[in-house]
Amino acid sequence: MKGKQLYKSSENKIFTGVCGGIAEYFNVDPTIVRIVFVLAALLHCFGVVIYITAVIIMPEGRVYTDEDVENMKSANTEKSSKSSSSKKAKKTSDSDFNSHFE
């Protein structure tokens, strides 16, 4: 399974989605990231260079269709039902084990 990946946001987007993508990656408010970029641009002009570099380098974020969301939900439901059935089996075996020594 892949870890977290940095993408341009398709939901928190004003210009290109760079600040929204960074905010989603770090789980912060996109407004904070935008303010940091503006301050960096005003103070040292590094914000502009970093933003343009990010626009070029960062991949586009994936837009999920309703079908994708349904597939993810059904996959999560299958995983949770499998794990709950294995927990039930474990509880049964634990009680059998304990009853054997009583």
PDB file of N, CA and C in Angstrom:
ATOM      1  N   MET A   1       0.834  -1.178   0.000  1.00  0.00           N
ATOM      2  CA  MET A   1       0.000   0.000   0.000  1.00  0.00           C
ATOM      3  C   MET A   1       0.880   1.244   0.000  1.00  0.00           C
ATOM      4  N   LYS A   2       0.514   2.219  -0.774  1.00  0.00           N
ATOM      5  CA  LYS A   2       1.281   3.451  -0.870  1.00  0.00           C
ATOM      6  C   LYS A   2       0.967   4.353   0.317  1.00  0.00           C
ATOM      7  N   GLY A   3       1.944   5.174   0.674  1.00  0.00           N
ATOM      8  CA  GLY A   3       1.742   6.158   1.723  1.00  0.00           C
ATOM      9  C   GLY A   3       1.022   7.381   1.168  1.00  0.00           C
ATOM     10  N   LYS A   4       0.987   8.431   1.980  1.00  0.00           N
ATOM     11  CA  LYS A   4       0.378   9.671   1.523  1.00  0.00           C
ATOM     12  C   LYS A   4       1.167  10.243   0.366  1.00  0.00           C
ATOM     13  N   GLN A   5       0.452  10.795  -0.600  1.00  0.00           N
ATOM     14  CA  GLN A   5       1.105  11.423  -1.732  1.00  0.00           C
ATOM     15  C   GLN A   5       0.611  12.853  -1.881  1.00  0.00           C
ATOM     16  N   LEU A   6       1.481  13.703  -2.359  1.00  0.00           N
ATOM     17  CA  LEU A   6       1.177  15.113  -2.531  1.00  0.00           C
ATOM     18  C   LEU A   6       0.647  15.350  -3.936  1.00  0.00           C
ATOM     19  N   TYR A   7      -0.566  15.870  -4.022  1.00  0.00           N
ATOM     20  CA  TYR A   7      -1.211  16.181  -5.291  1.00  0.00           C
ATOM     21  C   TYR A   7      -1.790  17.578  -5.245  1.00  0.00           C
ATOM     22  N   LYS A   8      -1.995  18.174  -6.421  1.00  0.00           N
ATOM     23  CA  LYS A   8      -2.771  19.405  -6.496  1.00  0.00           C
ATOM     24  C   LYS A   8      -4.207  19.054  -6.131  1.00  0.00           C
ATOM     25  N   SER A   9      -4.830  19.900  -5.360  1.00  0.00           N
ATOM     26  CA  SER A   9      -6.196  19.627  -4.931  1.00  0.00           C
ATOM     27  C   SER A   9      -7.180  19.930  -6.046  1.00  0.00           C
ATOM     28  N   SER A  10      -8.175  19.086  -6.161  1.00  0.00           N
ATOM     29  CA  SER A  10      -9.239  19.349  -7.126  1.00  0.00           C
ATOM     30  C   SER A  10     -10.448  19.982  -6.439  1.00  0.00           C
ATOM     31  N   GLU A  11     -10.447  19.988  -5.105  1.00  0.00           N
ATOM     32  CA  GLU A  11     -11.560  20.559  -4.352  1.00  0.00           C
ATOM     33  C   GLU A  11     -11.211  21.921  -3.757  1.00  0.00           C
ATOM     34  N   ASN A  12     -10.047  22.054  -3.120  1.00  0.00           N
ATOM     35  CA  ASN A  12      -9.604  23.307  -2.513  1.00  0.00           C
ATOM     36  C   ASN A  12      -8.718  24.046  -3.504  1.00  0.00           C
ATOM     37  N   LYS A  13      -9.344  24.583  -4.536  1.00  0.00           N
ATOM     38  CA  LYS A  13      -8.596  25.128  -5.647  1.00  0.00           C
ATOM     39  C   LYS A  13      -9.020  26.572  -5.906  1.00  0.00           C
ATOM     40  N   ILE A  14      -8.020  27.468  -5.984  1.00  0.00           N
ATOM     41  CA  ILE A  14      -8.311  28.835  -6.414  1.00  0.00           C
ATOM     42  C   ILE A  14      -7.665  29.069  -7.772  1.00  0.00           C
ATOM     43  N   PHE A  15      -6.337  28.890  -7.859  1.00  0.00           N
ATOM     44  CA  PHE A  15      -5.662  29.016  -9.156  1.00  0.00           C
ATOM     45  C   PHE A  15      -5.371  27.642  -9.743  1.00  0.00           C
ATOM     46  N   THR A  16      -4.448  26.937  -9.113  1.00  0.00           N
ATOM     47  CA  THR A  16      -4.042  25.648  -9.668  1.00  0.00           C
ATOM     48  C   THR A  16      -4.231  24.492  -8.705  1.00  0.00           C
ATOM     49  N   GLY A  17      -4.524  24.772  -7.437  1.00  0.00           N
ATOM     50  CA  GLY A  17      -4.728  23.713  -6.448  1.00  0.00           C
ATOM     51  C   GLY A  17      -3.490  23.347  -5.661  1.00  0.00           C
ATOM     52  N   VAL A  18      -2.385  24.088  -5.857  1.00  0.00           N
ATOM     53  CA  VAL A  18      -1.143  23.777  -5.157  1.00  0.00           C
ATOM     54  C   VAL A  18      -1.308  23.963  -3.650  1.00  0.00           C
ATOM     55  N   CYS A  19      -1.777  25.125  -3.224  1.00  0.00           N
ATOM     56  CA  CYS A  19      -1.928  25.390  -1.783  1.00  0.00           C
ATOM     57  C   CYS A  19      -2.953  24.448  -1.161  1.00  0.00           C
ATOM     58  N   GLY A  20      -4.025  24.180  -1.868  1.00  0.00           N
ATOM     59  CA  GLY A  20      -5.027  23.232  -1.371  1.00  0.00           C
ATOM     60  C   GLY A  20      -4.468  21.834  -1.225  1.00  0.00           C
ATOM     61  N   GLY A  21      -3.636  21.417  -2.170  1.00  0.00           N
ATOM     62  CA  GLY A  21      -3.012  20.099  -2.104  1.00  0.00           C
ATOM     63  C   GLY A  21      -2.039  19.986  -0.944  1.00  0.00           C
ATOM     64  N   ILE A  22      -1.255  21.035  -0.730  1.00  0.00           N
ATOM     65  CA  ILE A  22      -0.321  21.042   0.400  1.00  0.00           C
ATOM     66  C   ILE A  22      -1.096  21.008   1.709  1.00  0.00           C
ATOM     67  N   ALA A  23      -2.180  21.771   1.781  1.00  0.00           N
ATOM     68  CA  ALA A  23      -3.000  21.793   2.990  1.00  0.00           C
ATOM     69  C   ALA A  23      -3.628  20.429   3.265  1.00  0.00           C
ATOM     70  N   GLU A  24      -4.114  19.760   2.244  1.00  0.00           N
ATOM     71  CA  GLU A  24      -4.694  18.427   2.422  1.00  0.00           C
ATOM     72  C   GLU A  24      -3.632  17.423   2.867  1.00  0.00           C
ATOM     73  N   TYR A  25      -2.434  17.540   2.331  1.00  0.00           N
ATOM     74  CA  TYR A  25      -1.351  16.625   2.680  1.00  0.00           C
ATOM     75  C   TYR A  25      -0.983  16.751   4.162  1.00  0.00           C
ATOM     76  N   PHE A  26      -0.890  18.009   4.641  1.00  0.00           N
ATOM     77  CA  PHE A  26      -0.517  18.245   6.036  1.00  0.00           C
ATOM     78  C   PHE A  26      -1.721  18.372   6.961  1.00  0.00           C
ATOM     79  N   ASN A  27      -2.921  18.231   6.411  1.00  0.00           N
ATOM     80  CA  ASN A  27      -4.164  18.281   7.178  1.00  0.00           C
ATOM     81  C   ASN A  27      -4.316  19.603   7.946  1.00  0.00           C
ATOM     82  N   VAL A  28      -4.130  20.711   7.214  1.00  0.00           N
ATOM     83  CA  VAL A  28      -4.317  22.049   7.775  1.00  0.00           C
ATOM     84  C   VAL A  28      -5.282  22.818   6.885  1.00  0.00           C
ATOM     85  N   ASP A  29      -5.686  23.976   7.347  1.00  0.00           N
ATOM     86  CA  ASP A  29      -6.599  24.830   6.592  1.00  0.00           C
ATOM     87  C   ASP A  29      -5.863  25.410   5.374  1.00  0.00           C
ATOM     88  N   PRO A  30      -6.451  25.331   4.178  1.00  0.00           N
ATOM     89  CA  PRO A  30      -5.788  25.861   2.978  1.00  0.00           C
ATOM     90  C   PRO A  30      -5.505  27.363   3.062  1.00  0.00           C
ATOM     91  N   THR A  31      -6.310  28.086   3.819  1.00  0.00           N
ATOM     92  CA  THR A  31      -6.095  29.526   3.959  1.00  0.00           C
ATOM     93  C   THR A  31      -4.748  29.810   4.614  1.00  0.00           C
ATOM     94  N   ILE A  32      -4.367  28.999   5.568  1.00  0.00           N
ATOM     95  CA  ILE A  32      -3.077  29.182   6.236  1.00  0.00           C
ATOM     96  C   ILE A  32      -1.939  29.005   5.239  1.00  0.00           C
ATOM     97  N   VAL A  33      -2.029  27.988   4.400  1.00  0.00           N
ATOM     98  CA  VAL A  33      -0.982  27.740   3.403  1.00  0.00           C
ATOM     99  C   VAL A  33      -0.932  28.896   2.409  1.00  0.00           C
ATOM    100  N   ARG A  34      -2.070  29.396   2.005  1.00  0.00           N
ATOM    101  CA  ARG A  34      -2.109  30.525   1.066  1.00  0.00           C
ATOM    102  C   ARG A  34      -1.474  31.773   1.673  1.00  0.00           C
ATOM    103  N   ILE A  35      -1.767  32.024   2.951  1.00  0.00           N
ATOM    104  CA  ILE A  35      -1.174  33.187   3.633  1.00  0.00           C
ATOM    105  C   ILE A  35       0.342  33.056   3.701  1.00  0.00           C
ATOM    106  N   VAL A  36       0.833  31.851   3.992  1.00  0.00           N
ATOM    107  CA  VAL A  36       2.283  31.626   4.043  1.00  0.00           C
ATOM    108  C   VAL A  36       2.907  31.905   2.674  1.00  0.00           C
ATOM    109  N   PHE A  37       2.275  31.446   1.599  1.00  0.00           N
ATOM    110  CA  PHE A  37       2.809  31.700   0.263  1.00  0.00           C
ATOM    111  C   PHE A  37       2.804  33.195  -0.061  1.00  0.00           C
ATOM    112  N   VAL A  38       1.756  33.909   0.305  1.00  0.00           N
ATOM    113  CA  VAL A  38       1.691  35.349   0.036  1.00  0.00           C
ATOM    114  C   VAL A  38       2.767  36.078   0.823  1.00  0.00           C
ATOM    115  N   LEU A  39       2.929  35.739   2.104  1.00  0.00           N
ATOM    116  CA  LEU A  39       3.971  36.379   2.913  1.00  0.00           C
ATOM    117  C   LEU A  39       5.361  36.088   2.353  1.00  0.00           C
ATOM    118  N   ALA A  40       5.589  34.849   1.939  1.00  0.00           N
ATOM    119  CA  ALA A  40       6.883  34.493   1.351  1.00  0.00           C
ATOM    120  C   ALA A  40       7.115  35.259   0.048  1.00  0.00           C
ATOM    121  N   ALA A  41       6.063  35.474  -0.708  1.00  0.00           N
ATOM    122  CA  ALA A  41       6.189  36.213  -1.962  1.00  0.00           C
ATOM    123  C   ALA A  41       6.480  37.689  -1.700  1.00  0.00           C
ATOM    124  N   LEU A  42       5.834  38.258  -0.693  1.00  0.00           N
ATOM    125  CA  LEU A  42       6.035  39.676  -0.389  1.00  0.00           C
ATOM    126  C   LEU A  42       7.379  39.950   0.274  1.00  0.00           C
ATOM    127  N   LEU A  43       7.817  39.047   1.120  1.00  0.00           N
ATOM    128  CA  LEU A  43       9.033  39.295   1.883  1.00  0.00           C
ATOM    129  C   LEU A  43      10.306  38.984   1.104  1.00  0.00           C
ATOM    130  N   HIS A  44      10.351  37.874   0.419  1.00  0.00           N
ATOM    131  CA  HIS A  44      11.601  37.462  -0.211  1.00  0.00           C
ATOM    132  C   HIS A  44      11.453  37.011  -1.658  1.00  0.00           C
ATOM    133  N   CYS A  45      10.294  37.030  -2.202  1.00  0.00           N
ATOM    134  CA  CYS A  45      10.006  36.557  -3.565  1.00  0.00           C
ATOM    135  C   CYS A  45      10.222  35.056  -3.731  1.00  0.00           C
ATOM    136  N   PHE A  46      10.526  34.348  -2.646  1.00  0.00           N
ATOM    137  CA  PHE A  46      10.680  32.900  -2.740  1.00  0.00           C
ATOM    138  C   PHE A  46       9.327  32.224  -2.941  1.00  0.00           C
ATOM    139  N   GLY A  47       8.286  32.822  -2.437  1.00  0.00           N
ATOM    140  CA  GLY A  47       6.953  32.240  -2.575  1.00  0.00           C
ATOM    141  C   GLY A  47       6.560  32.070  -4.020  1.00  0.00           C
ATOM    142  N   VAL A  48       6.881  33.044  -4.849  1.00  0.00           N
ATOM    143  CA  VAL A  48       6.542  32.985  -6.270  1.00  0.00           C
ATOM    144  C   VAL A  48       7.323  31.860  -6.945  1.00  0.00           C
ATOM    145  N   VAL A  49       8.613  31.783  -6.655  1.00  0.00           N
ATOM    146  CA  VAL A  49       9.454  30.747  -7.261  1.00  0.00           C
ATOM    147  C   VAL A  49       8.996  29.361  -6.826  1.00  0.00           C
ATOM    148  N   ILE A  50       8.721  29.202  -5.530  1.00  0.00           N
ATOM    149  CA  ILE A  50       8.276  27.904  -5.007  1.00  0.00           C
ATOM    150  C   ILE A  50       6.921  27.529  -5.589  1.00  0.00           C
ATOM    151  N   TYR A  51       6.011  28.506  -5.691  1.00  0.00           N
ATOM    152  CA  TYR A  51       4.678  28.232  -6.221  1.00  0.00           C
ATOM    153  C   TYR A  51       4.762  27.787  -7.681  1.00  0.00           C
ATOM    154  N   ILE A  52       5.537  28.507  -8.492  1.00  0.00           N
ATOM    155  CA  ILE A  52       5.661  28.150  -9.911  1.00  0.00           C
ATOM    156  C   ILE A  52       6.300  26.771 -10.059  1.00  0.00           C
ATOM    157  N   THR A  53       7.299  26.486  -9.237  1.00  0.00           N
ATOM    158  CA  THR A  53       7.932  25.167  -9.264  1.00  0.00           C
ATOM    159  C   THR A  53       6.921  24.083  -8.902  1.00  0.00           C
ATOM    160  N   ALA A  54       6.109  24.340  -7.878  1.00  0.00           N
ATOM    161  CA  ALA A  54       5.104  23.365  -7.450  1.00  0.00           C
ATOM    162  C   ALA A  54       4.052  23.149  -8.533  1.00  0.00           C
ATOM    163  N   VAL A  55       3.657  24.214  -9.220  1.00  0.00           N
ATOM    164  CA  VAL A  55       2.676  24.083 -10.312  1.00  0.00           C
ATOM    165  C   VAL A  55       3.211  23.142 -11.387  1.00  0.00           C
ATOM    166  N   ILE A  56       4.496  23.241 -11.668  1.00  0.00           N
ATOM    167  CA  ILE A  56       5.097  22.416 -12.712  1.00  0.00           C
ATOM    168  C   ILE A  56       5.304  20.977 -12.244  1.00  0.00           C
ATOM    169  N   ILE A  57       5.746  20.805 -10.998  1.00  0.00           N
ATOM    170  CA  ILE A  57       6.153  19.486 -10.507  1.00  0.00           C
ATOM    171  C   ILE A  57       4.997  18.647  -9.968  1.00  0.00           C
ATOM    172  N   MET A  58       4.088  19.265  -9.220  1.00  0.00           N
ATOM    173  CA  MET A  58       3.028  18.487  -8.549  1.00  0.00           C
ATOM    174  C   MET A  58       2.044  17.897  -9.562  1.00  0.00           C
ATOM    175  N   PRO A  59       1.717  16.600  -9.410  1.00  0.00           N
ATOM    176  CA  PRO A  59       0.726  15.990 -10.303  1.00  0.00           C
ATOM    177  C   PRO A  59      -0.688  16.443  -9.949  1.00  0.00           C
ATOM    178  N   GLU A  60      -1.565  16.338 -10.925  1.00  0.00           N
ATOM    179  CA  GLU A  60      -2.971  16.678 -10.703  1.00  0.00           C
ATOM    180  C   GLU A  60      -3.597  15.688  -9.736  1.00  0.00           C
ATOM    181  N   GLY A  61      -4.498  16.171  -8.903  1.00  0.00           N
ATOM    182  CA  GLY A  61      -5.221  15.300  -7.983  1.00  0.00           C
ATOM    183  C   GLY A  61      -6.268  14.499  -8.715  1.00  0.00           C
ATOM    184  N   ARG A  62      -6.612  13.352  -8.166  1.00  0.00           N
ATOM    185  CA  ARG A  62      -7.606  12.480  -8.784  1.00  0.00           C
ATOM    186  C   ARG A  62      -8.997  12.946  -8.388  1.00  0.00           C
ATOM    187  N   VAL A  63      -9.882  13.000  -9.366  1.00  0.00           N
ATOM    188  CA  VAL A  63     -11.280  13.319  -9.114  1.00  0.00           C
ATOM    189  C   VAL A  63     -12.035  12.001  -9.087  1.00  0.00           C
ATOM    190  N   TYR A  64     -12.682  11.708  -7.961  1.00  0.00           N
ATOM    191  CA  TYR A  64     -13.389  10.440  -7.807  1.00  0.00           C
ATOM    192  C   TYR A  64     -14.816  10.564  -8.326  1.00  0.00           C
ATOM    193  N   THR A  65     -15.237   9.568  -9.097  1.00  0.00           N
ATOM    194  CA  THR A  65     -16.614   9.517  -9.569  1.00  0.00           C
ATOM    195  C   THR A  65     -17.468   8.825  -8.508  1.00  0.00           C
ATOM    196  N   ASP A  66     -18.776   8.875  -8.681  1.00  0.00           N
ATOM    197  CA  ASP A  66     -19.681   8.200  -7.744  1.00  0.00           C
ATOM    198  C   ASP A  66     -19.416   6.704  -7.718  1.00  0.00           C
ATOM    199  N   GLU A  67     -19.073   6.144  -8.872  1.00  0.00           N
ATOM    200  CA  GLU A  67     -18.781   4.708  -8.952  1.00  0.00           C
ATOM    201  C   GLU A  67     -17.529   4.362  -8.136  1.00  0.00           C
ATOM    202  N   ASP A  68     -16.500   5.225  -8.206  1.00  0.00           N
ATOM    203  CA  ASP A  68     -15.283   5.000  -7.416  1.00  0.00           C
ATOM    204  C   ASP A  68     -15.596   5.008  -5.922  1.00  0.00           C
ATOM    205  N   VAL A  69     -16.421   5.942  -5.500  1.00  0.00           N
ATOM    206  CA  VAL A  69     -16.776   6.050  -4.086  1.00  0.00           C
ATOM    207  C   VAL A  69     -17.532   4.805  -3.632  1.00  0.00           C
ATOM    208  N   GLU A  70     -18.458   4.322  -4.447  1.00  0.00           N
ATOM    209  CA  GLU A  70     -19.204   3.114  -4.103  1.00  0.00           C
ATOM    210  C   GLU A  70     -18.284   1.903  -4.009  1.00  0.00           C
ATOM    211  N   ASN A  71     -17.322   1.799  -4.922  1.00  0.00           N
ATOM    212  CA  ASN A  71     -16.371   0.689  -4.881  1.00  0.00           C
ATOM    213  C   ASN A  71     -15.528   0.733  -3.614  1.00  0.00           C
ATOM    214  N   MET A  72     -15.111   1.938  -3.203  1.00  0.00           N
ATOM    215  CA  MET A  72     -14.321   2.067  -1.971  1.00  0.00           C
ATOM    216  C   MET A  72     -15.155   1.683  -0.747  1.00  0.00           C
ATOM    217  N   LYS A  73     -16.416   2.110  -0.750  1.00  0.00           N
ATOM    218  CA  LYS A  73     -17.291   1.770   0.385  1.00  0.00           C
ATOM    219  C   LYS A  73     -17.491   0.256   0.483  1.00  0.00           C
ATOM    220  N   SER A  74     -17.723  -0.391  -0.657  1.00  0.00           N
ATOM    221  CA  SER A  74     -17.948  -1.834  -0.627  1.00  0.00           C
ATOM    222  C   SER A  74     -16.676  -2.570  -0.224  1.00  0.00           C
ATOM    223  N   ALA A  75     -15.517  -2.078  -0.627  1.00  0.00           N
ATOM    224  CA  ALA A  75     -14.251  -2.709  -0.226  1.00  0.00           C
ATOM    225  C   ALA A  75     -14.054  -2.581   1.279  1.00  0.00           C
ATOM    226  N   ASN A  76     -14.383  -1.425   1.848  1.00  0.00           N
ATOM    227  CA  ASN A  76     -14.257  -1.236   3.295  1.00  0.00           C
ATOM    228  C   ASN A  76     -15.242  -2.108   4.048  1.00  0.00           C
ATOM    229  N   THR A  77     -16.435  -2.290   3.517  1.00  0.00           N
ATOM    230  CA  THR A  77     -17.434  -3.142   4.158  1.00  0.00           C
ATOM    231  C   THR A  77     -16.975  -4.584   4.176  1.00  0.00           C
ATOM    232  N   GLU A  78     -16.386  -5.043   3.065  1.00  0.00           N
ATOM    233  CA  GLU A  78     -15.884  -6.420   3.002  1.00  0.00           C
ATOM    234  C   GLU A  78     -14.749  -6.629   3.991  1.00  0.00           C
ATOM    235  N   LYS A  79     -13.849  -5.656   4.117  1.00  0.00           N
ATOM    236  CA  LYS A  79     -12.732  -5.773   5.056  1.00  0.00           C
ATOM    237  C   LYS A  79     -13.238  -5.839   6.492  1.00  0.00           C
ATOM    238  N   SER A  80     -14.202  -4.980   6.829  1.00  0.00           N
ATOM    239  CA  SER A  80     -14.693  -4.953   8.203  1.00  0.00           C
ATOM    240  C   SER A  80     -15.463  -6.218   8.541  1.00  0.00           C
ATOM    241  N   SER A  81     -16.186  -6.798   7.578  1.00  0.00           N
ATOM    242  CA  SER A  81     -16.912  -8.035   7.861  1.00  0.00           C
ATOM    243  C   SER A  81     -15.945  -9.195   8.036  1.00  0.00           C
ATOM    244  N   LYS A  82     -14.847  -9.205   7.275  1.00  0.00           N
ATOM    245  CA  LYS A  82     -13.843 -10.255   7.423  1.00  0.00           C
ATOM    246  C   LYS A  82     -13.149 -10.146   8.777  1.00  0.00           C
ATOM    247  N   SER A  83     -12.814  -8.922   9.179  1.00  0.00           N
ATOM    248  CA  SER A  83     -12.105  -8.757  10.449  1.00  0.00           C
ATOM    249  C   SER A  83     -13.018  -9.069  11.630  1.00  0.00           C
ATOM    250  N   SER A  84     -14.303  -8.745  11.520  1.00  0.00           N
ATOM    251  CA  SER A  84     -15.213  -9.051  12.623  1.00  0.00           C
ATOM    252  C   SER A  84     -15.444 -10.548  12.738  1.00  0.00           C
ATOM    253  N   SER A  85     -15.466 -11.270  11.608  1.00  0.00           N
ATOM    254  CA  SER A  85     -15.649 -12.719  11.676  1.00  0.00           C
ATOM    255  C   SER A  85     -14.405 -13.384  12.251  1.00  0.00           C
ATOM    256  N   SER A  86     -13.220 -12.838  11.955  1.00  0.00           N
ATOM    257  CA  SER A  86     -12.001 -13.421  12.530  1.00  0.00           C
ATOM    258  C   SER A  86     -11.929 -13.128  14.024  1.00  0.00           C
ATOM    259  N   LYS A  87     -12.454 -11.969  14.465  1.00  0.00           N
ATOM    260  CA  LYS A  87     -12.486 -11.658  15.893  1.00  0.00           C
ATOM    261  C   LYS A  87     -13.414 -12.612  16.621  1.00  0.00           C
ATOM    262  N   LYS A  88     -14.554 -12.937  15.995  1.00  0.00           N
ATOM    263  CA  LYS A  88     -15.483 -13.880  16.607  1.00  0.00           C
ATOM    264  C   LYS A  88     -14.830 -15.245  16.741  1.00  0.00           C
ATOM    265  N   ALA A  89     -14.112 -15.659  15.718  1.00  0.00           N
ATOM    266  CA  ALA A  89     -13.436 -16.954  15.767  1.00  0.00           C
ATOM    267  C   ALA A  89     -12.380 -16.952  16.855  1.00  0.00           C
ATOM    268  N   LYS A  90     -11.673 -15.845  17.017  1.00  0.00           N
ATOM    269  CA  LYS A  90     -10.647 -15.755  18.038  1.00  0.00           C
ATOM    270  C   LYS A  90     -11.263 -15.819  19.429  1.00  0.00           C
ATOM    271  N   LYS A  91     -12.393 -15.129  19.628  1.00  0.00           N
ATOM    272  CA  LYS A  91     -13.058 -15.154  20.926  1.00  0.00           C
ATOM    273  C   LYS A  91     -13.491 -16.568  21.277  1.00  0.00           C
ATOM    274  N   THR A  92     -14.002 -17.278  20.294  1.00  0.00           N
ATOM    275  CA  THR A  92     -14.430 -18.655  20.522  1.00  0.00           C
ATOM    276  C   THR A  92     -13.247 -19.521  20.911  1.00  0.00           C
ATOM    277  N   SER A  93     -12.139 -19.386  20.192  1.00  0.00           N
ATOM    278  CA  SER A  93     -10.977 -20.208  20.497  1.00  0.00           C
ATOM    279  C   SER A  93     -10.389 -19.839  21.857  1.00  0.00           C
ATOM    280  N   ASP A  94     -10.420 -18.566  22.246  1.00  0.00           N
ATOM    281  CA  ASP A  94      -9.934 -18.150  23.558  1.00  0.00           C
ATOM    282  C   ASP A  94     -10.785 -18.738  24.667  1.00  0.00           C
ATOM    283  N   SER A  95     -12.097 -18.716  24.478  1.00  0.00           N
ATOM    284  CA  SER A  95     -12.970 -19.272  25.508  1.00  0.00           C
ATOM    285  C   SER A  95     -12.808 -20.792  25.600  1.00  0.00           C
ATOM    286  N   ASP A  96     -12.610 -21.456  24.468  1.00  0.00           N
ATOM    287  CA  ASP A  96     -12.347 -22.891  24.478  1.00  0.00           C
ATOM    288  C   ASP A  96     -11.045 -23.190  25.216  1.00  0.00           C
ATOM    289  N   PHE A  97     -10.046 -22.364  24.971  1.00  0.00           N
ATOM    290  CA  PHE A  97      -8.747 -22.544  25.612  1.00  0.00           C
ATOM    291  C   PHE A  97      -8.881 -22.364  27.127  1.00  0.00           C
ATOM    292  N   ASN A  98      -9.574 -21.311  27.524  1.00  0.00           N
ATOM    293  CA  ASN A  98      -9.740 -21.033  28.961  1.00  0.00           C
ATOM    294  C   ASN A  98     -10.585 -22.127  29.634  1.00  0.00           C
ATOM    295  N   SER A  99     -11.623 -22.587  28.964  1.00  0.00           N
ATOM    296  CA  SER A  99     -12.475 -23.623  29.566  1.00  0.00           C
ATOM    297  C   SER A  99     -11.721 -24.943  29.709  1.00  0.00           C
ATOM    298  N   HIS A 100     -10.755 -25.174  28.868  1.00  0.00           N
ATOM    299  CA  HIS A 100      -9.969 -26.399  28.945  1.00  0.00           C
ATOM    300  C   HIS A 100      -9.153 -26.460  30.247  1.00  0.00           C
ATOM    301  N   PHE A 101      -8.721 -25.284  30.748  1.00  0.00           N
ATOM    302  CA  PHE A 101      -7.895 -25.242  31.941  1.00  0.00           C
ATOM    303  C   PHE A 101      -8.672 -24.975  33.226  1.00  0.00           C
ATOM    304  N   GLU A 102      -9.972 -24.855  33.153  1.00  0.00           N
ATOM    305  CA  GLU A 102     -10.768 -24.607  34.377  1.00  0.00           C
ATOM    306  C   GLU A 102     -11.104 -25.866  35.093  1.00  0.00           C
TER     307      GLU A 102
END
